[in-house]
Amino acid sequence: MPDKKHRKKFNTKRYLKIFATYFLLFTALFGMIDYYIYMEFNFLYFIILAILIAALITWIYVKKGKKDHVDDVANEIF
């Protein structure tokens, strides 16, 4: 049984900052895509897609356990 000292604590604040950073990035990207395709699709689809992609990428990023420039950007924004 693993010792409680060695288990990593899940940092919710860090997760939310990184998620919000990726969500803003993908929302802006999908907004530009929607603009250049002359708003053929409902923007709600792009928001849902941005939430799903941001959650997946954030989960993968936090799971790795590294801290790099994404954390710096998230801390500067939020």
N, C-alpha and C. Protein backbone atom coordinates (compact mmCIF):
# COMPACT_ATOMS: atom_id res chain seq x y z
N MET A 1 0.84 -1.17 0.00
CA MET A 1 0.00 0.00 0.00
C MET A 1 0.89 1.24 0.00
N PRO A 2 0.61 2.19 -0.93
CA PRO A 2 1.48 3.35 -1.02
C PRO A 2 1.37 4.25 0.21
N ASP A 3 2.50 4.81 0.53
CA ASP A 3 2.56 5.72 1.67
C ASP A 3 1.88 7.04 1.30
N LYS A 4 1.15 7.63 2.23
CA LYS A 4 0.42 8.86 1.95
C LYS A 4 1.36 10.03 1.67
N LYS A 5 2.56 9.98 2.18
CA LYS A 5 3.51 11.06 1.94
C LYS A 5 3.92 11.13 0.47
N HIS A 6 3.96 9.99 -0.20
CA HIS A 6 4.46 9.93 -1.56
C HIS A 6 3.37 10.13 -2.60
N ARG A 7 2.11 10.15 -2.20
CA ARG A 7 1.04 10.39 -3.16
C ARG A 7 0.98 11.87 -3.49
N LYS A 8 0.79 12.14 -4.78
CA LYS A 8 0.69 13.53 -5.21
C LYS A 8 -0.69 14.06 -4.92
N LYS A 9 -0.73 15.28 -4.44
CA LYS A 9 -2.01 15.94 -4.17
C LYS A 9 -2.51 16.55 -5.47
N PHE A 10 -3.79 16.37 -5.76
CA PHE A 10 -4.39 16.94 -6.96
C PHE A 10 -4.64 18.42 -6.72
N ASN A 11 -4.03 19.25 -7.52
CA ASN A 11 -4.13 20.69 -7.37
C ASN A 11 -5.25 21.21 -8.28
N THR A 12 -6.42 21.45 -7.71
CA THR A 12 -7.58 21.87 -8.48
C THR A 12 -7.39 23.25 -9.08
N LYS A 13 -6.77 24.15 -8.34
CA LYS A 13 -6.56 25.50 -8.83
C LYS A 13 -5.66 25.49 -10.07
N ARG A 14 -4.61 24.71 -10.05
CA ARG A 14 -3.71 24.59 -11.21
C ARG A 14 -4.46 24.00 -12.39
N TYR A 15 -5.25 22.97 -12.14
CA TYR A 15 -6.01 22.32 -13.21
C TYR A 15 -6.97 23.31 -13.86
N LEU A 16 -7.68 24.10 -13.06
CA LEU A 16 -8.64 25.05 -13.60
C LEU A 16 -7.95 26.17 -14.39
N LYS A 17 -6.78 26.62 -13.92
CA LYS A 17 -6.05 27.64 -14.65
C LYS A 17 -5.60 27.13 -16.02
N ILE A 18 -5.07 25.92 -16.03
CA ILE A 18 -4.60 25.35 -17.30
C ILE A 18 -5.78 25.08 -18.23
N PHE A 19 -6.88 24.56 -17.67
CA PHE A 19 -8.07 24.32 -18.48
C PHE A 19 -8.58 25.62 -19.08
N ALA A 20 -8.66 26.67 -18.29
CA ALA A 20 -9.15 27.96 -18.80
C ALA A 20 -8.23 28.51 -19.88
N THR A 21 -6.93 28.32 -19.73
CA THR A 21 -5.99 28.79 -20.75
C THR A 21 -6.20 28.06 -22.06
N TYR A 22 -6.28 26.75 -22.01
CA TYR A 22 -6.52 25.97 -23.22
C TYR A 22 -7.90 26.27 -23.80
N PHE A 23 -8.91 26.46 -22.95
CA PHE A 23 -10.25 26.77 -23.44
C PHE A 23 -10.26 28.11 -24.18
N LEU A 24 -9.60 29.11 -23.64
CA LEU A 24 -9.52 30.40 -24.33
C LEU A 24 -8.79 30.28 -25.66
N LEU A 25 -7.74 29.51 -25.67
CA LEU A 25 -6.97 29.31 -26.90
C LEU A 25 -7.83 28.66 -27.98
N PHE A 26 -8.51 27.58 -27.63
CA PHE A 26 -9.31 26.88 -28.63
C PHE A 26 -10.57 27.64 -29.01
N THR A 27 -11.15 28.39 -28.08
CA THR A 27 -12.31 29.21 -28.42
C THR A 27 -11.92 30.29 -29.43
N ALA A 28 -10.78 30.91 -29.23
CA ALA A 28 -10.31 31.92 -30.17
C ALA A 28 -10.00 31.29 -31.53
N LEU A 29 -9.36 30.15 -31.52
CA LEU A 29 -9.04 29.46 -32.76
C LEU A 29 -10.30 29.06 -33.52
N PHE A 30 -11.25 28.46 -32.81
CA PHE A 30 -12.49 28.05 -33.46
C PHE A 30 -13.33 29.25 -33.87
N GLY A 31 -13.23 30.36 -33.15
CA GLY A 31 -13.91 31.58 -33.56
C GLY A 31 -13.39 32.10 -34.88
N MET A 32 -12.07 32.05 -35.07
CA MET A 32 -11.50 32.47 -36.35
C MET A 32 -11.89 31.51 -37.46
N ILE A 33 -11.90 30.22 -37.16
CA ILE A 33 -12.32 29.24 -38.17
C ILE A 33 -13.77 29.50 -38.57
N ASP A 34 -14.63 29.72 -37.59
CA ASP A 34 -16.04 29.98 -37.86
C ASP A 34 -16.21 31.26 -38.68
N TYR A 35 -15.43 32.26 -38.39
CA TYR A 35 -15.51 33.52 -39.13
C TYR A 35 -15.12 33.32 -40.59
N TYR A 36 -14.04 32.58 -40.82
CA TYR A 36 -13.55 32.42 -42.18
C TYR A 36 -14.36 31.42 -43.01
N ILE A 37 -15.19 30.61 -42.36
CA ILE A 37 -16.08 29.75 -43.15
C ILE A 37 -17.48 30.35 -43.19
N TYR A 38 -17.54 31.65 -42.93
CA TYR A 38 -18.76 32.45 -43.06
C TYR A 38 -19.89 31.94 -42.16
N MET A 39 -19.53 31.55 -40.95
CA MET A 39 -20.47 31.16 -39.92
C MET A 39 -21.48 30.13 -40.41
N GLU A 40 -20.98 29.10 -41.05
CA GLU A 40 -21.82 28.02 -41.56
C GLU A 40 -22.38 27.15 -40.45
N PHE A 41 -21.68 27.06 -39.33
CA PHE A 41 -22.08 26.19 -38.24
C PHE A 41 -22.49 27.04 -37.04
N ASN A 42 -23.26 26.45 -36.17
CA ASN A 42 -23.63 27.11 -34.92
C ASN A 42 -22.37 27.18 -34.04
N PHE A 43 -22.11 28.35 -33.47
CA PHE A 43 -20.89 28.51 -32.67
C PHE A 43 -20.93 27.67 -31.40
N LEU A 44 -22.12 27.26 -30.97
CA LEU A 44 -22.24 26.40 -29.79
C LEU A 44 -21.48 25.08 -30.00
N TYR A 45 -21.49 24.56 -31.22
CA TYR A 45 -20.73 23.33 -31.51
C TYR A 45 -19.24 23.55 -31.28
N PHE A 46 -18.75 24.71 -31.67
CA PHE A 46 -17.34 25.01 -31.47
C PHE A 46 -17.00 25.16 -29.99
N ILE A 47 -17.92 25.74 -29.22
CA ILE A 47 -17.69 25.89 -27.77
C ILE A 47 -17.63 24.52 -27.11
N ILE A 48 -18.56 23.63 -27.47
CA ILE A 48 -18.56 22.28 -26.91
C ILE A 48 -17.29 21.54 -27.29
N LEU A 49 -16.88 21.68 -28.54
CA LEU A 49 -15.65 21.04 -29.00
C LEU A 49 -14.43 21.60 -28.26
N ALA A 50 -14.42 22.91 -28.02
CA ALA A 50 -13.32 23.53 -27.29
C ALA A 50 -13.26 23.03 -25.86
N ILE A 51 -14.41 22.86 -25.22
CA ILE A 51 -14.45 22.33 -23.85
C ILE A 51 -13.90 20.91 -23.80
N LEU A 52 -14.33 20.09 -24.73
CA LEU A 52 -13.87 18.69 -24.75
C LEU A 52 -12.37 18.59 -25.00
N ILE A 53 -11.88 19.33 -25.99
CA ILE A 53 -10.45 19.28 -26.31
C ILE A 53 -9.62 19.85 -25.16
N ALA A 54 -10.06 20.97 -24.59
CA ALA A 54 -9.32 21.59 -23.49
C ALA A 54 -9.27 20.66 -22.27
N ALA A 55 -10.38 19.99 -21.98
CA ALA A 55 -10.40 19.06 -20.84
C ALA A 55 -9.46 17.89 -21.08
N LEU A 56 -9.47 17.36 -22.29
CA LEU A 56 -8.60 16.22 -22.61
C LEU A 56 -7.12 16.62 -22.54
N ILE A 57 -6.77 17.73 -23.15
CA ILE A 57 -5.37 18.16 -23.15
C ILE A 57 -4.92 18.52 -21.74
N THR A 58 -5.79 19.16 -20.97
CA THR A 58 -5.44 19.51 -19.60
C THR A 58 -5.22 18.27 -18.76
N TRP A 59 -6.07 17.28 -18.92
CA TRP A 59 -5.93 16.03 -18.16
C TRP A 59 -4.61 15.35 -18.51
N ILE A 60 -4.26 15.30 -19.79
CA ILE A 60 -3.00 14.69 -20.21
C ILE A 60 -1.82 15.48 -19.65
N TYR A 61 -1.90 16.80 -19.72
CA TYR A 61 -0.82 17.66 -19.25
C TYR A 61 -0.60 17.51 -17.74
N VAL A 62 -1.67 17.53 -16.97
CA VAL A 62 -1.55 17.41 -15.51
C VAL A 62 -1.11 16.01 -15.12
N LYS A 63 -1.55 15.01 -15.87
CA LYS A 63 -1.18 13.63 -15.59
C LYS A 63 0.33 13.42 -15.71
N LYS A 64 0.97 14.12 -16.67
CA LYS A 64 2.42 14.01 -16.83
C LYS A 64 3.17 14.53 -15.61
N GLY A 65 2.62 15.53 -14.95
CA GLY A 65 3.23 16.05 -13.73
C GLY A 65 4.31 17.08 -13.94
N LYS A 66 4.59 17.45 -15.17
CA LYS A 66 5.62 18.45 -15.43
C LYS A 66 5.04 19.84 -15.29
N LYS A 67 5.92 20.78 -15.03
CA LYS A 67 5.53 22.19 -15.03
C LYS A 67 6.45 22.90 -16.02
N ASP A 68 5.84 23.57 -16.98
CA ASP A 68 6.64 24.28 -17.96
C ASP A 68 5.94 25.58 -18.35
N HIS A 69 6.12 26.03 -19.57
CA HIS A 69 5.63 27.34 -19.99
C HIS A 69 4.12 27.47 -19.95
N VAL A 70 3.39 26.40 -20.05
CA VAL A 70 1.93 26.47 -19.97
C VAL A 70 1.50 26.95 -18.59
N ASP A 71 2.17 26.48 -17.56
CA ASP A 71 1.88 26.95 -16.20
C ASP A 71 2.21 28.44 -16.04
N ASP A 72 3.31 28.85 -16.66
CA ASP A 72 3.68 30.27 -16.60
C ASP A 72 2.62 31.15 -17.26
N VAL A 73 2.16 30.73 -18.42
CA VAL A 73 1.14 31.49 -19.13
C VAL A 73 -0.16 31.52 -18.35
N ALA A 74 -0.56 30.36 -17.80
CA ALA A 74 -1.79 30.29 -17.01
C ALA A 74 -1.71 31.18 -15.78
N ASN A 75 -0.56 31.24 -15.13
CA ASN A 75 -0.40 32.10 -13.96
C ASN A 75 -0.42 33.58 -14.33
N GLU A 76 0.12 33.92 -15.51
CA GLU A 76 0.09 35.32 -15.93
C GLU A 76 -1.32 35.76 -16.29
N ILE A 77 -2.08 34.89 -16.92
CA ILE A 77 -3.44 35.25 -17.34
C ILE A 77 -4.37 35.31 -16.15
N PHE A 78 -4.29 34.32 -15.28
CA PHE A 78 -5.22 34.23 -14.17
C PHE A 78 -4.48 34.46 -12.87
